[in-house]
Each structure stands twice: as structure tokens, then as C-alpha cells.
Amino acid sequence: MNDFIWINYTRIKRVAVISGRDAIIVVNFTVNEDGVIYIVCFSDEREDLVPLQPGLVRGGLPIGGFKIEHIKN
């Protein structure tokens, strides 16, 4: 089984009257023995990873994910 974990910081600029946003997203990417891919994502609000920035709203993702597999005919 192959397992990868990474942390992604995303920042989105302010648009008109909408404040800018940022988010820290943790991604776990796993491929099992059958070739099925599992991707699980969630946000982390730890300020020691990326401090809060003035003028930005910290976004959150409770949990999300995908299961990707080959469909046999």
C-alpha cells in the first residue's frame, strides 16, 4: 500500500466586497493493493502551521474525500 500525506496552504484574494480567504488543508492519498485510490481531505486551524493573517478569513473543511477505482465492463 502506498500512502502519502501533505499539507497545502491556499490563499484566495479579496474580490469586490468579499474578504480574502485562506485555508490549511491536510490531504491523505492512499493506493491499495487493488489499485483503488482513496483521497481524504480536512482542514487544520493550528496557527503554528500558518499564523492568521489580518484581513483574511480562515476557511474550514470538516472532512471530504474520494474513492477512485477502475470500473469493469
C-alpha atoms as a PDB file:
ATOM      1  CA  MET A   1       0.000   0.000   0.000  1.00  0.00           C
ATOM      2  CA  ASN A   2       1.293   3.477  -0.901  1.00  0.00           C
ATOM      3  CA  ASP A   3       0.365   6.282   1.473  1.00  0.00           C
ATOM      4  CA  PHE A   4       1.110   9.990   1.021  1.00  0.00           C
ATOM      5  CA  ILE A   5       0.209  12.843   3.370  1.00  0.00           C
ATOM      6  CA  TRP A   6       0.808  16.508   2.681  1.00  0.00           C
ATOM      7  CA  ILE A   7      -0.310  19.893   3.979  1.00  0.00           C
ATOM      8  CA  ASN A   8      -1.484  22.522   1.496  1.00  0.00           C
ATOM      9  CA  TYR A   9      -1.865  26.237   2.271  1.00  0.00           C
ATOM     10  CA  THR A  10      -4.305  28.050  -0.030  1.00  0.00           C
ATOM     11  CA  ARG A  11      -4.886  31.789  -0.143  1.00  0.00           C
ATOM     12  CA  ILE A  12      -7.597  33.494  -2.213  1.00  0.00           C
ATOM     13  CA  LYS A  13      -7.528  37.223  -2.946  1.00  0.00           C
ATOM     14  CA  ARG A  14     -10.313  39.600  -1.989  1.00  0.00           C
ATOM     15  CA  VAL A  15     -12.895  40.109  -4.747  1.00  0.00           C
ATOM     16  CA  ALA A  16     -15.006  43.298  -4.637  1.00  0.00           C
ATOM     17  CA  VAL A  17     -16.688  43.328  -1.206  1.00  0.00           C
ATOM     18  CA  ILE A  18     -15.823  39.696  -0.343  1.00  0.00           C
ATOM     19  CA  SER A  19     -12.919  39.312   2.102  1.00  0.00           C
ATOM     20  CA  GLY A  20      -9.889  37.253   1.172  1.00  0.00           C
ATOM     21  CA  ARG A  21      -9.751  33.682   2.418  1.00  0.00           C
ATOM     22  CA  ASP A  22      -7.085  31.194   3.392  1.00  0.00           C
ATOM     23  CA  ALA A  23      -7.144  27.560   4.423  1.00  0.00           C
ATOM     24  CA  ILE A  24      -4.774  24.868   5.624  1.00  0.00           C
ATOM     25  CA  ILE A  25      -5.803  21.562   4.058  1.00  0.00           C
ATOM     26  CA  VAL A  26      -4.367  18.184   5.071  1.00  0.00           C
ATOM     27  CA  VAL A  27      -4.557  15.569   2.311  1.00  0.00           C
ATOM     28  CA  ASN A  28      -4.112  11.800   2.723  1.00  0.00           C
ATOM     29  CA  PHE A  29      -3.680   9.942  -0.577  1.00  0.00           C
ATOM     30  CA  THR A  30      -3.661   6.128  -0.393  1.00  0.00           C
ATOM     31  CA  VAL A  31      -3.419   3.494  -3.142  1.00  0.00           C
ATOM     32  CA  ASN A  32      -4.250  -0.063  -2.018  1.00  0.00           C
ATOM     33  CA  GLU A  33      -3.102  -3.383  -3.478  1.00  0.00           C
ATOM     34  CA  ASP A  34      -6.039  -3.480  -5.938  1.00  0.00           C
ATOM     35  CA  GLY A  35      -5.196  -0.034  -7.355  1.00  0.00           C
ATOM     36  CA  VAL A  36      -8.099   1.705  -5.610  1.00  0.00           C
ATOM     37  CA  ILE A  37      -7.225   5.296  -4.702  1.00  0.00           C
ATOM     38  CA  TYR A  38      -8.589   6.901  -1.532  1.00  0.00           C
ATOM     39  CA  ILE A  39      -8.208  10.647  -1.004  1.00  0.00           C
ATOM     40  CA  VAL A  40      -9.270  12.181   2.314  1.00  0.00           C
ATOM     41  CA  CYS A  41      -9.042  15.936   2.978  1.00  0.00           C
ATOM     42  CA  PHE A  42      -9.731  18.054   6.056  1.00  0.00           C
ATOM     43  CA  SER A  43      -8.711  21.471   7.326  1.00  0.00           C
ATOM     44  CA  ASP A  44      -6.426  22.267  10.225  1.00  0.00           C
ATOM     45  CA  GLU A  45      -6.702  25.522  12.132  1.00  0.00           C
ATOM     46  CA  ARG A  46      -3.396  25.296  14.026  1.00  0.00           C
ATOM     47  CA  GLU A  47      -1.867  28.750  13.997  1.00  0.00           C
ATOM     48  CA  ASP A  48       1.641  27.316  14.447  1.00  0.00           C
ATOM     49  CA  LEU A  49       1.455  25.963  10.864  1.00  0.00           C
ATOM     50  CA  VAL A  50       0.389  29.294   9.315  1.00  0.00           C
ATOM     51  CA  PRO A  51      -0.466  32.261  11.564  1.00  0.00           C
ATOM     52  CA  LEU A  52      -3.752  34.056  10.973  1.00  0.00           C
ATOM     53  CA  GLN A  53      -3.297  36.915   8.504  1.00  0.00           C
ATOM     54  CA  PRO A  54      -5.003  40.299   9.004  1.00  0.00           C
ATOM     55  CA  GLY A  55      -7.830  40.798   6.508  1.00  0.00           C
ATOM     56  CA  LEU A  56      -8.208  37.088   5.700  1.00  0.00           C
ATOM     57  CA  VAL A  57     -10.963  34.759   6.865  1.00  0.00           C
ATOM     58  CA  ARG A  58      -9.708  31.249   7.726  1.00  0.00           C
ATOM     59  CA  GLY A  59     -11.762  28.686   5.817  1.00  0.00           C
ATOM     60  CA  GLY A  60     -12.615  25.228   7.082  1.00  0.00           C
ATOM     61  CA  LEU A  61     -13.258  21.807   5.593  1.00  0.00           C
ATOM     62  CA  PRO A  62     -14.617  19.366   8.217  1.00  0.00           C
ATOM     63  CA  ILE A  63     -13.855  16.327   6.018  1.00  0.00           C
ATOM     64  CA  GLY A  64     -14.141  15.377   2.384  1.00  0.00           C
ATOM     65  CA  GLY A  65     -12.845  12.688   0.119  1.00  0.00           C
ATOM     66  CA  PHE A  66     -12.932  10.477  -2.911  1.00  0.00           C
ATOM     67  CA  LYS A  67     -12.701   6.804  -3.779  1.00  0.00           C
ATOM     68  CA  ILE A  68     -11.380   6.245  -7.281  1.00  0.00           C
ATOM     69  CA  GLU A  69     -11.473   2.784  -8.813  1.00  0.00           C
ATOM     70  CA  HIS A  70     -11.480   1.177 -12.235  1.00  0.00           C
ATOM     71  CA  ILE A  71     -14.968   0.218 -13.444  1.00  0.00           C
ATOM     72  CA  LYS A  72     -15.008  -3.127 -15.211  1.00  0.00           C
ATOM     73  CA  ASN A  73     -17.278  -3.579 -18.242  1.00  0.00           C
END
